[in-house]
Protein backbone atom coordinates (compact mmCIF):
# COMPACT_ATOMS: atom_id res chain seq x y z
CA UNK A 1 -0.11 -0.13 0.03
CA UNK A 2 1.20 3.43 -0.93
CA UNK A 3 2.10 5.53 2.19
CA UNK A 4 -0.37 8.27 1.05
CA UNK A 5 -3.20 5.62 0.79
CA UNK A 6 -2.61 4.44 4.35
CA UNK A 7 -5.23 5.86 6.74
CA UNK A 8 -3.69 7.04 10.06
CA UNK A 9 -5.21 5.89 13.30
CA UNK A 10 -6.53 9.39 13.93
CA UNK A 11 -8.34 9.46 10.73
CA UNK A 12 -10.33 6.43 11.03
CA UNK A 13 -14.14 6.40 10.82
CA UNK A 14 -16.24 5.65 13.70
CA UNK A 15 -17.14 2.43 11.72
CA UNK A 16 -13.67 1.28 11.57
CA UNK A 17 -12.98 2.02 15.21
CA UNK A 18 -16.05 0.09 16.04
CA UNK A 19 -14.97 -2.77 13.84
CA UNK A 20 -11.71 -2.94 15.63
CA UNK A 21 -13.32 -2.79 18.92
CA UNK A 22 -15.74 -5.69 17.91
CA UNK A 23 -12.71 -7.86 16.75
CA UNK A 24 -10.61 -7.01 19.91
CA UNK A 25 -13.54 -8.08 22.16
CA UNK A 26 -14.03 -11.30 20.23
CA UNK A 27 -10.34 -11.88 20.46
CA UNK A 28 -10.36 -11.25 24.32
CA UNK A 29 -13.46 -13.46 24.77
CA UNK A 30 -11.92 -16.25 22.91
CA UNK A 31 -8.88 -15.90 24.94
CA UNK A 32 -10.79 -16.03 28.22
CA UNK A 33 -12.78 -19.17 27.06
CA UNK A 34 -9.39 -20.69 26.40
CA UNK A 35 -8.37 -19.87 29.91
CA UNK A 36 -11.64 -21.11 31.36
CA UNK A 37 -10.93 -24.51 29.56
CA UNK A 38 -7.26 -24.76 30.91
CA UNK A 39 -8.59 -23.57 34.52
CA UNK A 40 -11.26 -26.49 34.48
CA UNK A 41 -8.74 -29.05 32.97
CA UNK A 42 -6.42 -28.48 35.92
CA UNK A 43 -9.35 -28.58 38.47
CA UNK A 44 -10.43 -31.90 36.97
CA UNK A 45 -7.04 -33.34 37.04
CA UNK A 46 -6.49 -32.38 40.63
CA UNK A 47 -9.74 -33.81 41.62
CA UNK A 48 -9.03 -36.90 39.58
CA UNK A 49 -5.77 -37.54 41.14
CA UNK A 50 -7.32 -37.16 44.67
CA UNK A 51 -9.96 -39.54 43.89
CA UNK A 52 -7.49 -42.21 42.54
CA UNK A 53 -5.57 -41.66 45.87
CA UNK A 54 -8.77 -42.15 47.80
CA UNK A 55 -9.84 -45.30 46.01
CA UNK A 56 -6.22 -46.94 46.42
CA UNK A 57 -6.01 -45.93 50.22
CA UNK A 58 -9.47 -47.30 50.55
CA UNK A 59 -8.80 -50.48 49.13
CA UNK A 60 -5.62 -51.16 51.12
CA UNK A 61 -7.59 -49.91 54.30
CA UNK A 62 -10.31 -52.39 53.56
CA UNK A 63 -8.10 -55.48 53.32
CA UNK A 64 -6.47 -54.43 56.67
CA UNK A 65 -9.77 -53.84 58.08
CA UNK A 66 -11.11 -57.32 57.42
CA UNK A 67 -8.17 -58.97 58.85
CA UNK A 68 -8.70 -56.66 62.17
CA UNK A 69 -12.37 -57.42 62.14
CA UNK A 70 -11.76 -61.10 62.12
CA UNK A 71 -9.27 -60.97 64.91
CA UNK A 72 -11.52 -58.89 66.99
CA UNK A 73 -14.46 -61.31 66.34
CA UNK A 74 -12.25 -64.29 67.46
CA UNK A 75 -10.87 -62.47 70.48
CA UNK A 76 -14.58 -61.62 71.68
CA UNK A 77 -15.45 -65.27 71.24
CA UNK A 78 -12.40 -66.70 73.02
CA UNK A 79 -11.68 -64.23 75.73
CA UNK A 80 -15.14 -62.66 76.52
CA UNK A 81 -16.98 -65.78 75.54
CA UNK A 82 -19.54 -64.06 73.30
CA UNK A 83 -21.11 -66.54 70.53
CA UNK A 84 -19.39 -65.78 67.22
CA UNK A 85 -22.43 -64.49 65.57
CA UNK A 86 -22.92 -61.83 68.55
CA UNK A 87 -19.27 -60.87 68.23
CA UNK A 88 -19.58 -60.32 64.59
CA UNK A 89 -22.61 -58.42 65.04
CA UNK A 90 -21.10 -56.07 67.60
CA UNK A 91 -17.93 -55.54 65.57
CA UNK A 92 -19.82 -54.90 62.33
CA UNK A 93 -22.23 -52.21 64.04
CA UNK A 94 -19.14 -50.42 65.37
CA UNK A 95 -17.39 -50.60 62.08
CA UNK A 96 -20.38 -49.59 60.04
CA UNK A 97 -20.61 -46.53 62.31
CA UNK A 98 -16.98 -45.36 61.82
CA UNK A 99 -17.35 -45.96 57.96
CA UNK A 100 -20.55 -43.88 57.85
CA UNK A 101 -18.75 -41.01 59.53
CA UNK A 102 -15.86 -41.15 57.21
CA UNK A 103 -18.03 -41.27 54.27
CA UNK A 104 -19.96 -38.10 55.46
CA UNK A 105 -16.82 -36.15 56.19
CA UNK A 106 -15.32 -37.00 52.55
CA UNK A 107 -18.61 -36.00 51.02
CA UNK A 108 -18.63 -32.78 52.92
CA UNK A 109 -14.96 -32.04 51.78
CA UNK A 110 -15.87 -32.74 48.17
CA UNK A 111 -18.93 -30.28 48.25
CA UNK A 112 -16.69 -27.48 49.37
CA UNK A 113 -14.32 -27.92 46.20
CA UNK A 114 -14.89 -24.94 44.11
CA UNK A 115 -15.00 -26.04 40.40
CA UNK A 116 -15.85 -22.65 38.83
CA UNK A 117 -13.19 -20.97 36.66
CA UNK A 118 -12.89 -17.90 39.00
CA UNK A 119 -10.01 -15.96 37.37
CA UNK A 120 -11.90 -16.24 33.94
CA UNK A 121 -15.21 -15.24 35.29
CA UNK A 122 -13.72 -12.05 37.06
CA UNK A 123 -11.95 -11.11 33.75
CA UNK A 124 -15.21 -11.63 31.80
CA UNK A 125 -17.19 -9.53 34.47
CA UNK A 126 -14.40 -6.70 34.20
CA UNK A 127 -14.74 -6.79 30.35
CA UNK A 128 -18.57 -6.39 30.76
CA UNK A 129 -18.13 -3.48 33.06
CA UNK A 130 -15.51 -1.75 30.71
CA UNK A 131 -17.91 -2.21 27.68
CA UNK A 132 -20.68 -0.56 29.72
């Protein structure tokens, strides 16, 4: 383009300025959506890792718990003299109560996890206010 044909930024029409503004806003919104996707991916990966650890720990704890339960039932039968069925029932009720308390605690912690892409939402709200 010949230098005489170039339009300086000061000489652009209102239509050209609005066109540039629209393109810039679209680019900014696309970038924010990309950021939101990255934030959500990061949060999902973190939660997935924690759930994997929870499952592995739970499986190991369960195997150990079964051995301990059997030992306690046998102990109650041999030392205290309770019938096996009563010893097993007693131990089962206590362990079920402990398990229920742990599940309740874990669910409460998971419900408090914030999954919203906060940084992106704040930026989009700021853009919205700037446009007004």
